[in-house]
């Protein structure tokens, strides 16, 4: 076995720690194949392009899947109610998106083990069970919102809702159940291309390009009597819909299922950047054309849902714009349901030891496909049942995602500093500092969101107090950690050394049973205890509030 400069031992070539042997073999992407034994240098431009084309998929799908039904509602709400004043939030979120998903890329390619299973093995049964249970509940609710989006698009197009929703569910299930990873990815890339339907709407709506350019790079808060608390909650919703917990689980497992190994990580990073560019273009397009369509109209400032946006585009721009928006909404909801459903099935398969791969047929992986199919069918049925509290379910998804996102990022950071897991691929110091700052911001936004749900009508002063107090605490914590690092340098794990990097292309994590148990410092143990207490309290309060609203409904 290969041993790095720190004494960490990795798996030899051909013996990765994958949990399903279907995850080992040729890379059969939608647009090309890379043979397992192909270890050529691939130095020519043509060879590199062919490699990239074969690798492309995971980053594109996870990012475009993020512009799902919830995102359509959130981004168009920002445009319809506040114009382009919140466009800057998208630019701010770009580094957050990339850093989170880049860490997931390394975890997937290097370990061959899904996110939930790594949490279970490295942090114990409580956190392993918690990660799977909260992912299952949150994803189930998210899939319901995807079918709500499909129903809204169908209603605008004048098509029957119940048959259309069930047909959409059947299309997603059949696309994933062919036993061919390549065929599923090809379907997904067609759906990704469908997301470009948003671009012609921008051309039709003629938004103010100068104002868009300014608001994209200059942060500001909408004026004109807009309540600070309402604006802040919408900003939190933009964060929650752009950076979601399911993305971490999905991309890591999908990279493993595609059989991407460490030597292709740089290509997967390019794939991720392509996906980020497309998702930001889509989000900015929705804010821009909803601004142009509703400016000066009675509907400005009175957002209802994505169906109302389609109707407004049809009335204030032209019929074609409304139709294209409805089709794009259906397309986005289908790819979102596919990705979110798969992230759940992958995670449960990982933890329970089920066969879990799109390379396997339903007969070869019954449990995996049963979880995926069951989630989609139940969600579709709930949406078509008359009287279902669909608006309440959508609100619950956004709130729970905001509450749970900080914990997901915490474990992502801890795993990416675990040398037994990533060896020479562990985070460097600058990346750790940036990610810690992101976690601090997410925790503050989570607190604001939880407080606003439990205490409706939370004033803007209270929100500013939470953000200000949280910022002070985060700075104090950073100063403390910096002093601790200076006083106890031996106790602090540093990034990969130059010698480590020489082994990166072939280094893989050993089988989980051979890994030494992680030794958590006193500070990390206290931090995890505080995180556990906060999650139990926050999730409990949110659930109680949602139940109260459901009973009232």
Protein backbone atom coordinates (compact mmCIF):
# COMPACT_ATOMS: atom_id res chain seq x y z
CA UNK A 1 0.00 0.00 0.00
CA UNK A 2 1.05 3.59 -0.65
CA UNK A 3 1.86 5.67 2.43
CA UNK A 4 1.96 9.48 2.41
CA UNK A 5 4.30 11.75 4.31
CA UNK A 6 1.99 11.82 7.34
CA UNK A 7 1.79 8.06 7.59
CA UNK A 8 -1.70 7.74 6.15
CA UNK A 9 -2.13 4.58 4.13
CA UNK A 10 -4.33 4.50 1.05
CA UNK A 11 -5.79 1.66 -0.94
CA UNK A 12 -3.65 0.25 -3.75
CA UNK A 13 -4.89 0.70 -7.31
CA UNK A 14 -7.82 -1.62 -7.98
CA UNK A 15 -8.89 -1.83 -4.34
CA UNK A 16 -10.96 1.25 -3.55
CA UNK A 17 -13.32 1.27 -0.56
CA UNK A 18 -16.47 1.24 -2.70
CA UNK A 19 -19.58 -0.35 -1.17
CA UNK A 20 -21.10 -1.60 -4.42
CA UNK A 21 -18.93 -3.37 -6.98
CA UNK A 22 -21.05 -1.87 -9.76
CA UNK A 23 -19.20 1.37 -8.91
CA UNK A 24 -15.95 -0.07 -10.30
CA UNK A 25 -15.25 -0.26 -14.05
CA UNK A 26 -15.41 1.85 -17.19
CA UNK A 27 -16.76 5.40 -17.01
CA UNK A 28 -19.80 5.27 -19.29
CA UNK A 29 -20.96 8.87 -19.47
CA UNK A 30 -23.76 10.24 -21.60
CA UNK A 31 -21.30 11.66 -24.12
CA UNK A 32 -18.36 9.26 -24.02
CA UNK A 33 -16.54 6.32 -22.43
CA UNK A 34 -13.25 6.08 -20.54
CA UNK A 35 -11.91 2.56 -20.09
CA UNK A 36 -10.91 1.52 -16.60
CA UNK A 37 -7.40 0.62 -17.70
CA UNK A 38 -6.91 3.82 -19.65
CA UNK A 39 -4.09 5.51 -17.72
CA UNK A 40 -2.56 7.45 -20.59
CA UNK A 41 -1.27 10.94 -20.00
CA UNK A 42 -3.93 12.49 -22.26
CA UNK A 43 -1.72 15.50 -22.91
CA UNK A 44 -3.11 16.51 -26.28
CA UNK A 45 -5.92 19.07 -26.42
CA UNK A 46 -8.16 16.68 -28.35
CA UNK A 47 -7.67 13.93 -25.76
CA UNK A 48 -8.39 16.32 -22.90
CA UNK A 49 -11.58 17.56 -24.55
CA UNK A 50 -12.77 13.98 -25.09
CA UNK A 51 -12.05 13.19 -21.45
CA UNK A 52 -13.98 16.25 -20.27
CA UNK A 53 -16.93 15.41 -22.51
CA UNK A 54 -17.08 11.90 -21.04
CA UNK A 55 -16.82 13.20 -17.46
CA UNK A 56 -19.40 15.99 -17.83
CA UNK A 57 -22.65 15.20 -16.02
CA UNK A 58 -22.52 15.21 -12.20
CA UNK A 59 -21.80 18.94 -11.85
CA UNK A 60 -24.28 19.92 -14.55
CA UNK A 61 -27.09 17.78 -13.16
CA UNK A 62 -26.67 18.78 -9.51
CA UNK A 63 -26.52 22.49 -10.36
CA UNK A 64 -29.37 22.59 -12.88
CA UNK A 65 -31.38 20.33 -10.57
CA UNK A 66 -30.89 23.04 -7.96
CA UNK A 67 -32.88 25.45 -10.17
CA UNK A 68 -35.98 23.41 -9.41
CA UNK A 69 -39.61 24.32 -8.66
CA UNK A 70 -38.70 26.00 -5.37
CA UNK A 71 -36.02 28.06 -7.08
CA UNK A 72 -38.46 29.14 -9.80
CA UNK A 73 -40.78 30.47 -7.11
CA UNK A 74 -38.05 32.15 -5.06
CA UNK A 75 -36.17 33.88 -7.90
CA UNK A 76 -39.31 35.13 -9.65
CA UNK A 77 -40.69 36.33 -6.32
CA UNK A 78 -37.53 38.41 -5.87
CA UNK A 79 -37.98 39.92 -9.35
CA UNK A 80 -41.73 40.47 -9.16
CA UNK A 81 -41.65 42.04 -5.68
CA UNK A 82 -38.31 43.88 -5.63
CA UNK A 83 -37.03 44.12 -9.19
CA UNK A 84 -33.36 43.34 -9.73
CA UNK A 85 -32.28 44.71 -6.34
CA UNK A 86 -31.36 41.24 -5.02
CA UNK A 87 -29.37 40.03 -8.03
CA UNK A 88 -26.12 40.51 -6.07
CA UNK A 89 -27.03 37.57 -3.82
CA UNK A 90 -26.39 35.21 -6.74
CA UNK A 91 -22.84 36.47 -7.23
CA UNK A 92 -22.13 36.18 -3.50
CA UNK A 93 -23.33 32.57 -3.51
CA UNK A 94 -21.02 31.46 -6.35
CA UNK A 95 -17.95 30.81 -4.13
CA UNK A 96 -20.17 29.12 -1.52
CA UNK A 97 -21.60 26.80 -4.16
CA UNK A 98 -18.22 25.94 -5.60
CA UNK A 99 -16.43 25.37 -2.28
CA UNK A 100 -19.19 23.11 -0.91
CA UNK A 101 -19.49 21.01 -4.05
CA UNK A 102 -15.74 20.89 -4.71
CA UNK A 103 -15.27 19.27 -1.31
CA UNK A 104 -17.97 16.76 -2.23
CA UNK A 105 -16.18 16.05 -5.53
CA UNK A 106 -13.01 15.10 -3.65
CA UNK A 107 -14.89 12.98 -1.13
CA UNK A 108 -16.68 11.02 -3.83
CA UNK A 109 -13.72 10.42 -6.13
CA UNK A 110 -11.24 9.58 -3.36
CA UNK A 111 -13.37 7.51 -0.96
CA UNK A 112 -15.84 5.65 -3.17
CA UNK A 113 -18.29 5.87 -0.25
CA UNK A 114 -21.44 7.99 0.02
CA UNK A 115 -21.80 11.00 2.31
CA UNK A 116 -24.24 9.42 4.77
CA UNK A 117 -22.13 6.29 5.23
CA UNK A 118 -19.00 8.36 5.92
CA UNK A 119 -20.85 10.33 8.60
CA UNK A 120 -22.09 7.09 10.16
CA UNK A 121 -18.66 5.49 10.22
CA UNK A 122 -16.67 8.53 11.35
CA UNK A 123 -19.09 10.18 13.81
CA UNK A 124 -21.25 7.37 15.14
CA UNK A 125 -24.77 6.00 14.90
CA UNK A 126 -26.58 9.11 16.14
CA UNK A 127 -25.22 11.40 13.45
CA UNK A 128 -25.40 8.68 10.82
CA UNK A 129 -29.07 8.02 11.58
CA UNK A 130 -29.78 11.73 11.87
CA UNK A 131 -28.22 12.47 8.49
CA UNK A 132 -30.30 9.80 6.75
CA UNK A 133 -33.58 10.51 8.56
CA UNK A 134 -33.45 14.28 8.08
CA UNK A 135 -32.39 13.81 4.46
CA UNK A 136 -35.28 11.41 3.87
CA UNK A 137 -37.89 13.74 5.39
CA UNK A 138 -36.54 16.88 3.77
CA UNK A 139 -36.15 15.24 0.37
CA UNK A 140 -39.64 13.74 0.53
CA UNK A 141 -41.07 17.21 1.10
CA UNK A 142 -38.84 18.65 -1.62
CA UNK A 143 -40.07 16.09 -4.15
CA UNK A 144 -43.63 17.14 -3.31
CA UNK A 145 -42.72 20.72 -4.21
CA UNK A 146 -41.32 19.47 -7.53
CA UNK A 147 -44.65 17.91 -8.41
CA UNK A 148 -46.39 21.10 -7.27
CA UNK A 149 -44.25 22.89 -9.87
CA UNK A 150 -45.25 20.36 -12.52
CA UNK A 151 -48.94 20.81 -11.64
CA UNK A 152 -48.65 24.61 -11.90
CA UNK A 153 -47.01 24.34 -15.32
CA UNK A 154 -49.64 21.89 -16.55
CA UNK A 155 -52.49 24.09 -15.28
CA UNK A 156 -51.17 27.10 -17.18
CA UNK A 157 -50.86 25.03 -20.37
CA UNK A 158 -54.45 23.85 -19.93
CA UNK A 159 -53.47 20.20 -19.45
CA UNK A 160 -55.11 17.91 -16.85
CA UNK A 161 -53.14 17.97 -13.60
CA UNK A 162 -53.59 14.44 -12.22
CA UNK A 163 -52.64 12.47 -15.37
CA UNK A 164 -49.79 14.88 -16.11
CA UNK A 165 -48.29 14.61 -12.62
CA UNK A 166 -48.51 10.81 -12.62
CA UNK A 167 -47.06 10.65 -16.14
CA UNK A 168 -44.14 12.85 -15.05
CA UNK A 169 -43.47 10.54 -12.12
CA UNK A 170 -43.56 7.54 -14.47
CA UNK A 171 -41.09 9.21 -16.86
CA UNK A 172 -38.61 9.86 -14.03
CA UNK A 173 -38.93 6.30 -12.68
CA UNK A 174 -38.54 4.69 -16.10
CA UNK A 175 -35.54 6.85 -16.99
CA UNK A 176 -33.72 5.70 -13.86
CA UNK A 177 -34.78 2.05 -14.06
CA UNK A 178 -33.24 0.92 -17.34
CA UNK A 179 -30.15 -0.59 -15.70
CA UNK A 180 -28.02 1.74 -17.83
CA UNK A 181 -26.23 4.65 -16.15
CA UNK A 182 -25.51 6.14 -19.58
CA UNK A 183 -29.17 6.22 -20.65
CA UNK A 184 -30.21 7.94 -17.42
CA UNK A 185 -27.50 10.57 -17.81
CA UNK A 186 -28.47 11.16 -21.43
CA UNK A 187 -32.06 11.86 -20.34
CA UNK A 188 -30.79 14.23 -17.65
CA UNK A 189 -28.62 16.16 -20.11
CA UNK A 190 -31.62 16.61 -22.41
CA UNK A 191 -33.46 18.09 -19.41
CA UNK A 192 -30.43 20.29 -18.68
CA UNK A 193 -30.66 21.63 -22.23
CA UNK A 194 -34.35 22.31 -21.57
CA UNK A 195 -33.38 24.75 -18.83
CA UNK A 196 -32.09 27.08 -21.57
CA UNK A 197 -35.74 27.84 -22.44
CA UNK A 198 -35.43 30.65 -19.91
CA UNK A 199 -33.00 32.59 -22.13
CA UNK A 200 -35.48 33.47 -24.94
CA UNK A 201 -37.88 34.84 -22.31
CA UNK A 202 -35.24 37.39 -21.30
CA UNK A 203 -34.93 38.49 -24.93
CA UNK A 204 -38.72 38.84 -25.22
CA UNK A 205 -39.10 40.77 -21.95
CA UNK A 206 -36.36 43.36 -22.70
CA UNK A 207 -35.15 43.89 -19.11
CA UNK A 208 -32.99 46.96 -18.28
CA UNK A 209 -29.49 45.62 -18.95
CA UNK A 210 -27.66 48.53 -17.31
CA UNK A 211 -29.65 48.14 -14.11
CA UNK A 212 -29.08 44.38 -14.16
CA UNK A 213 -25.33 44.82 -14.50
CA UNK A 214 -25.24 47.30 -11.62
CA UNK A 215 -27.43 45.28 -9.24
CA UNK A 216 -25.50 42.11 -10.03
CA UNK A 217 -22.25 43.49 -8.62
CA UNK A 218 -23.38 46.18 -6.14
CA UNK A 219 -25.17 44.87 -3.02
CA UNK A 220 -28.26 46.71 -1.86
CA UNK A 221 -31.53 46.29 -0.01
CA UNK A 222 -34.80 47.17 -1.78
CA UNK A 223 -36.30 50.50 -0.73
CA UNK A 224 -39.73 51.88 -1.42
CA UNK A 225 -41.22 50.89 1.91
CA UNK A 226 -40.15 47.23 1.78
CA UNK A 227 -40.02 45.74 5.27
CA UNK A 228 -36.53 44.68 6.25
CA UNK A 229 -37.78 41.47 7.84
CA UNK A 230 -39.59 40.43 4.65
CA UNK A 231 -36.57 41.19 2.49
CA UNK A 232 -34.21 39.33 4.83
CA UNK A 233 -36.43 36.24 4.79
CA UNK A 234 -36.43 36.31 0.99
CA UNK A 235 -32.63 36.56 0.95
CA UNK A 236 -32.50 33.56 3.29
CA UNK A 237 -34.86 31.73 0.94
CA UNK A 238 -32.51 32.49 -1.97
CA UNK A 239 -29.61 31.05 0.02
CA UNK A 240 -31.66 27.98 0.98
CA UNK A 241 -32.84 27.27 -2.55
CA UNK A 242 -29.38 27.81 -4.07
CA UNK A 243 -27.36 25.82 -1.52
CA UNK A 244 -29.35 22.75 -0.41
CA UNK A 245 -28.35 19.70 1.71
CA UNK A 246 -29.44 17.16 -0.92
CA UNK A 247 -26.82 18.52 -3.34
CA UNK A 248 -23.99 17.26 -1.10
CA UNK A 249 -25.37 13.72 -0.90
CA UNK A 250 -26.37 13.53 -4.56
CA UNK A 251 -23.16 14.70 -6.22
CA UNK A 252 -20.91 12.57 -4.01
CA UNK A 253 -22.91 9.41 -4.71
CA UNK A 254 -23.39 10.21 -8.39
CA UNK A 255 -19.65 10.72 -8.88
CA UNK A 256 -19.09 7.33 -7.25
CA UNK A 257 -21.75 5.71 -9.43
CA UNK A 258 -20.16 7.23 -12.53
CA UNK A 259 -16.86 5.62 -11.41
CA UNK A 260 -14.90 8.87 -11.38
CA UNK A 261 -11.52 8.43 -9.67
CA UNK A 262 -9.01 10.99 -8.28
CA UNK A 263 -7.13 11.45 -11.54
CA UNK A 264 -10.31 12.88 -13.13
CA UNK A 265 -11.06 15.36 -10.34
CA UNK A 266 -9.80 18.36 -12.31
CA UNK A 267 -12.22 17.49 -15.14
CA UNK A 268 -15.08 17.16 -12.68
CA UNK A 269 -14.24 20.61 -11.31
CA UNK A 270 -14.66 22.02 -14.82
CA UNK A 271 -18.00 20.18 -15.06
CA UNK A 272 -19.01 21.79 -11.75
CA UNK A 273 -18.07 25.26 -12.97
CA UNK A 274 -20.13 24.78 -16.14
CA UNK A 275 -23.10 23.80 -13.98
CA UNK A 276 -22.63 26.83 -11.70
CA UNK A 277 -22.52 29.20 -14.68
CA UNK A 278 -25.74 27.71 -16.07
CA UNK A 279 -27.56 27.84 -12.73
CA UNK A 280 -26.57 31.47 -12.14
CA UNK A 281 -27.64 32.43 -15.68
CA UNK A 282 -30.99 30.74 -15.09
CA UNK A 283 -31.54 32.40 -11.71
CA UNK A 284 -30.54 35.83 -13.02
CA UNK A 285 -32.79 35.36 -16.06
CA UNK A 286 -35.80 34.65 -13.83
CA UNK A 287 -35.17 37.74 -11.69
CA UNK A 288 -34.61 39.86 -14.81
CA UNK A 289 -37.63 38.88 -16.89
CA UNK A 290 -40.02 38.86 -13.93
CA UNK A 291 -38.80 42.39 -13.14
CA UNK A 292 -39.36 43.56 -16.71
CA UNK A 293 -42.74 41.86 -17.02
CA UNK A 294 -44.31 43.13 -13.80
CA UNK A 295 -42.70 46.60 -13.51
CA UNK A 296 -45.47 49.22 -13.53
CA UNK A 297 -48.18 46.55 -13.58
CA UNK A 298 -50.80 45.78 -10.89
CA UNK A 299 -49.04 42.49 -10.10
CA UNK A 300 -45.76 44.16 -9.08
CA UNK A 301 -45.09 43.47 -5.41
CA UNK A 302 -47.84 40.86 -5.20
CA UNK A 303 -46.22 37.51 -5.91
CA UNK A 304 -48.46 34.45 -5.63
CA UNK A 305 -46.68 31.45 -7.16
CA UNK A 306 -44.88 30.30 -10.30
CA UNK A 307 -48.23 29.82 -12.03
CA UNK A 308 -48.99 33.49 -11.46
CA UNK A 309 -45.64 34.40 -12.99
CA UNK A 310 -46.47 32.37 -16.11
CA UNK A 311 -49.82 34.16 -16.38
CA UNK A 312 -48.14 37.55 -15.91
CA UNK A 313 -45.56 36.82 -18.61
CA UNK A 314 -48.36 35.79 -20.96
CA UNK A 315 -50.30 39.00 -20.26
CA UNK A 316 -47.49 41.56 -20.04
CA UNK A 317 -44.91 40.12 -22.49
CA UNK A 318 -46.57 37.66 -24.87
CA UNK A 319 -48.20 34.24 -24.88
CA UNK A 320 -44.99 32.52 -26.02
CA UNK A 321 -43.13 33.79 -22.96
CA UNK A 322 -45.72 32.30 -20.63
CA UNK A 323 -45.63 28.96 -22.48
CA UNK A 324 -41.83 28.80 -22.42
CA UNK A 325 -41.80 29.57 -18.69
CA UNK A 326 -44.35 26.83 -17.98
CA UNK A 327 -42.35 24.31 -20.03
CA UNK A 328 -39.12 25.33 -18.29
CA UNK A 329 -40.85 24.96 -14.91
CA UNK A 330 -42.00 21.42 -15.75
CA UNK A 331 -38.55 20.55 -17.10
CA UNK A 332 -36.80 21.89 -13.97
CA UNK A 333 -39.22 20.10 -11.66
CA UNK A 334 -38.63 16.77 -13.39
CA UNK A 335 -34.84 16.99 -13.18
CA UNK A 336 -35.15 18.19 -9.57
CA UNK A 337 -37.35 15.23 -8.64
CA UNK A 338 -34.88 12.86 -10.29
CA UNK A 339 -31.84 14.23 -8.47
CA UNK A 340 -33.49 14.61 -5.06
CA UNK A 341 -35.05 11.15 -5.26
CA UNK A 342 -31.75 9.57 -6.24
CA UNK A 343 -29.85 11.34 -3.45
CA UNK A 344 -32.23 9.70 -0.96
CA UNK A 345 -32.02 6.23 -2.49
CA UNK A 346 -28.22 6.45 -2.70
CA UNK A 347 -27.90 7.52 0.97
CA UNK A 348 -30.21 4.83 2.33
CA UNK A 349 -28.57 2.19 0.14
CA UNK A 350 -25.15 3.28 1.41
CA UNK A 351 -26.11 3.10 5.08
CA UNK A 352 -28.16 -0.12 4.91
CA UNK A 353 -25.69 -1.93 2.68
CA UNK A 354 -28.15 -2.30 -0.22
CA UNK A 355 -27.01 -2.58 -3.82
CA UNK A 356 -27.34 0.99 -5.03
CA UNK A 357 -26.28 1.78 -8.56
CA UNK A 358 -27.88 2.91 -11.81
CA UNK A 359 -25.62 0.35 -13.48
CA UNK A 360 -27.85 -2.34 -11.93
CA UNK A 361 -31.32 -3.28 -13.11
CA UNK A 362 -34.32 -3.11 -10.73
CA UNK A 363 -34.12 -6.88 -10.33
CA UNK A 364 -30.49 -6.62 -9.19
CA UNK A 365 -31.09 -3.68 -6.78
CA UNK A 366 -34.67 -4.06 -5.59
CA UNK A 367 -34.32 -2.01 -2.40
CA UNK A 368 -32.61 0.90 -4.13
CA UNK A 369 -35.26 1.24 -6.82
CA UNK A 370 -38.11 0.60 -4.37
CA UNK A 371 -37.03 3.60 -2.26
CA UNK A 372 -36.70 5.80 -5.34
CA UNK A 373 -40.02 4.71 -6.84
CA UNK A 374 -41.91 4.90 -3.55
CA UNK A 375 -40.76 8.46 -2.83
CA UNK A 376 -41.83 9.70 -6.25
CA UNK A 377 -45.20 7.96 -6.31
CA UNK A 378 -46.20 9.05 -2.80
CA UNK A 379 -45.20 12.65 -3.56
CA UNK A 380 -47.16 12.64 -6.83
CA UNK A 381 -50.28 11.23 -5.14
CA UNK A 382 -50.15 13.82 -2.35
CA UNK A 383 -50.04 16.63 -4.91
CA UNK A 384 -53.10 15.44 -6.82
CA UNK A 385 -55.20 14.83 -3.68
CA UNK A 386 -57.74 17.68 -3.42
CA UNK A 387 -57.25 19.87 -0.35
CA UNK A 388 -53.62 18.97 0.32
CA UNK A 389 -51.85 21.85 2.15
CA UNK A 390 -49.38 22.41 -0.68
CA UNK A 391 -48.44 25.95 0.33
CA UNK A 392 -47.69 24.80 3.88
CA UNK A 393 -45.53 21.94 2.59
CA UNK A 394 -43.52 24.35 0.44
CA UNK A 395 -42.93 26.65 3.42
CA UNK A 396 -41.90 23.66 5.54
CA UNK A 397 -39.32 22.58 2.96
CA UNK A 398 -37.67 26.00 2.84
CA UNK A 399 -37.57 26.26 6.63
CA UNK A 400 -36.19 22.78 7.31
CA UNK A 401 -33.58 23.17 4.57
CA UNK A 402 -32.40 26.39 6.19
CA UNK A 403 -32.24 24.76 9.62
CA UNK A 404 -30.38 21.63 8.49
CA UNK A 405 -27.92 23.15 6.00
CA UNK A 406 -25.38 24.34 8.63
CA UNK A 407 -25.07 20.83 10.11
CA UNK A 408 -24.53 19.32 6.65
CA UNK A 409 -21.73 21.79 5.98
CA UNK A 410 -20.16 21.13 9.39
CA UNK A 411 -19.78 17.42 8.66
CA UNK A 412 -18.57 18.16 5.16
CA UNK A 413 -15.78 20.29 6.64
CA UNK A 414 -14.87 17.69 9.25
CA UNK A 415 -14.71 14.89 6.69
CA UNK A 416 -12.52 16.99 4.40
CA UNK A 417 -10.00 17.39 7.25
CA UNK A 418 -9.95 13.67 8.09
CA UNK A 419 -6.61 12.23 6.86
CA UNK A 420 -7.85 8.66 7.15
CA UNK A 421 -10.59 9.59 4.66
CA UNK A 422 -8.85 11.97 2.24
CA UNK A 423 -5.13 11.55 2.89
CA UNK A 424 -3.30 13.99 0.57
CA UNK A 425 -6.63 15.44 -0.55
CA UNK A 426 -7.52 17.07 2.79
CA UNK A 427 -8.42 20.76 2.91
CA UNK A 428 -5.81 23.47 3.09
CA UNK A 429 -5.86 26.22 5.72
CA UNK A 430 -7.40 28.94 3.52
CA UNK A 431 -10.23 26.65 2.45
CA UNK A 432 -10.94 25.75 6.08
CA UNK A 433 -11.09 29.41 7.08
CA UNK A 434 -13.48 30.24 4.23
CA UNK A 435 -15.71 27.25 4.97
CA UNK A 436 -15.81 28.08 8.67
CA UNK A 437 -16.97 31.60 7.78
CA UNK A 438 -19.66 30.15 5.52
CA UNK A 439 -20.85 27.88 8.34
CA UNK A 440 -21.03 30.87 10.72
CA UNK A 441 -23.14 32.77 8.18
CA UNK A 442 -25.42 29.77 7.58
CA UNK A 443 -25.94 29.32 11.32
CA UNK A 444 -26.98 32.96 11.69
CA UNK A 445 -29.37 32.75 8.75
CA UNK A 446 -30.75 29.50 10.17
CA UNK A 447 -31.41 31.19 13.51
CA UNK A 448 -33.21 34.07 11.79
CA UNK A 449 -35.33 31.68 9.73
CA UNK A 450 -36.25 29.52 12.72
CA UNK A 451 -37.14 32.55 14.83
CA UNK A 452 -39.29 34.02 12.05
CA UNK A 453 -41.28 30.81 11.68
CA UNK A 454 -41.81 30.32 15.41
CA UNK A 455 -42.48 34.03 16.01
CA UNK A 456 -44.34 35.39 12.95
CA UNK A 457 -43.90 39.09 12.38
CA UNK A 458 -40.36 39.14 13.73
CA UNK A 459 -39.27 42.81 13.41
CA UNK A 460 -36.29 43.90 11.36
CA UNK A 461 -34.47 45.14 14.48
CA UNK A 462 -34.57 41.64 15.95
CA UNK A 463 -33.15 40.18 12.73
CA UNK A 464 -30.33 42.72 12.71
CA UNK A 465 -29.68 41.89 16.38
CA UNK A 466 -29.34 38.18 15.60
CA UNK A 467 -27.02 38.86 12.67
CA UNK A 468 -24.95 41.39 14.61
CA UNK A 469 -24.63 39.21 17.70
CA UNK A 470 -23.77 36.21 15.58
CA UNK A 471 -21.08 38.13 13.74
CA UNK A 472 -19.47 39.21 17.02
CA UNK A 473 -19.52 35.63 18.33
CA UNK A 474 -18.06 34.33 15.05
CA UNK A 475 -15.22 36.86 15.20
CA UNK A 476 -14.47 35.97 18.83
CA UNK A 477 -14.47 32.27 17.94
CA UNK A 478 -12.08 32.96 15.08
CA UNK A 479 -9.71 34.90 17.34
CA UNK A 480 -9.80 32.08 19.90
CA UNK A 481 -9.00 29.45 17.28
CA UNK A 482 -6.18 31.56 15.87
CA UNK A 483 -4.64 31.88 19.35
CA UNK A 484 -5.12 28.17 20.00
CA UNK A 485 -3.38 27.37 16.70
CA UNK A 486 -0.45 29.57 17.69
CA UNK A 487 -0.15 28.08 21.20
CA UNK A 488 -0.74 24.44 20.19
CA UNK A 489 0.57 24.03 16.63
CA UNK A 490 1.01 20.26 16.99
CA UNK A 491 -2.70 19.78 17.75
CA UNK A 492 -3.82 21.42 14.52
CA UNK A 493 -4.15 19.46 11.29
CA UNK A 494 -2.64 21.29 8.36
CA UNK A 495 -3.27 20.90 4.68
CA UNK A 496 -1.59 18.49 2.29
CA UNK A 497 2.18 18.81 1.91
CA UNK A 498 3.95 19.00 -1.47
CA UNK A 499 5.06 15.36 -1.01
CA UNK A 500 1.44 14.34 -0.44
CA UNK A 501 0.34 15.89 -3.71
CA UNK A 502 2.61 13.59 -5.71
CA UNK A 503 0.42 10.64 -4.71
CA UNK A 504 -2.95 12.25 -5.38
CA UNK A 505 -3.70 10.66 -8.75
CA UNK A 506 -3.67 7.11 -7.32
CA UNK A 507 -4.50 7.61 -3.62
CA UNK A 508 -7.81 6.03 -2.53
CA UNK A 509 -9.33 5.57 0.88
CA UNK A 510 -8.91 2.12 2.41
CA UNK A 511 -11.99 -0.02 3.20
CA UNK A 512 -13.92 1.47 6.11
CA UNK A 513 -13.22 -1.48 8.39
CA UNK A 514 -9.49 -0.76 8.21
CA UNK A 515 -9.68 2.92 9.16
CA UNK A 516 -8.65 4.12 12.60
CA UNK A 517 -11.44 5.77 14.55
CA UNK A 518 -11.21 9.57 14.47
CA UNK A 519 -10.04 11.28 17.64
CA UNK A 520 -12.19 14.33 18.25
CA UNK A 521 -10.69 17.16 20.26
CA UNK A 522 -12.53 18.51 23.29
CA UNK A 523 -13.51 21.57 21.27
CA UNK A 524 -15.01 19.50 18.47
CA UNK A 525 -16.93 17.31 20.92
CA UNK A 526 -18.40 20.38 22.59
CA UNK A 527 -19.22 21.84 19.19
CA UNK A 528 -21.04 18.68 18.10
CA UNK A 529 -23.00 18.61 21.36
CA UNK A 530 -24.07 22.22 20.86
CA UNK A 531 -25.00 21.45 17.25
CA UNK A 532 -27.06 18.46 18.35
CA UNK A 533 -28.92 20.52 20.96
CA UNK A 534 -29.61 23.32 18.48
CA UNK A 535 -30.90 20.96 15.80
CA UNK A 536 -33.20 19.12 18.20
CA UNK A 537 -34.59 22.41 19.53
CA UNK A 538 -34.88 24.18 16.16
CA UNK A 539 -36.37 21.24 14.25
CA UNK A 540 -38.77 20.57 17.13
CA UNK A 541 -39.97 24.18 17.18
CA UNK A 542 -40.42 24.27 13.41
CA UNK A 543 -42.36 20.98 13.40
CA UNK A 544 -44.65 22.23 16.19
CA UNK A 545 -45.31 25.44 14.28
CA UNK A 546 -46.04 23.60 11.03
CA UNK A 547 -48.44 21.25 12.84
CA UNK A 548 -50.22 24.25 14.38
CA UNK A 549 -50.62 25.83 10.95
CA UNK A 550 -51.81 22.51 9.48
CA UNK A 551 -54.46 22.13 12.17
CA UNK A 552 -55.60 25.71 11.61
CA UNK A 553 -55.72 25.04 7.86
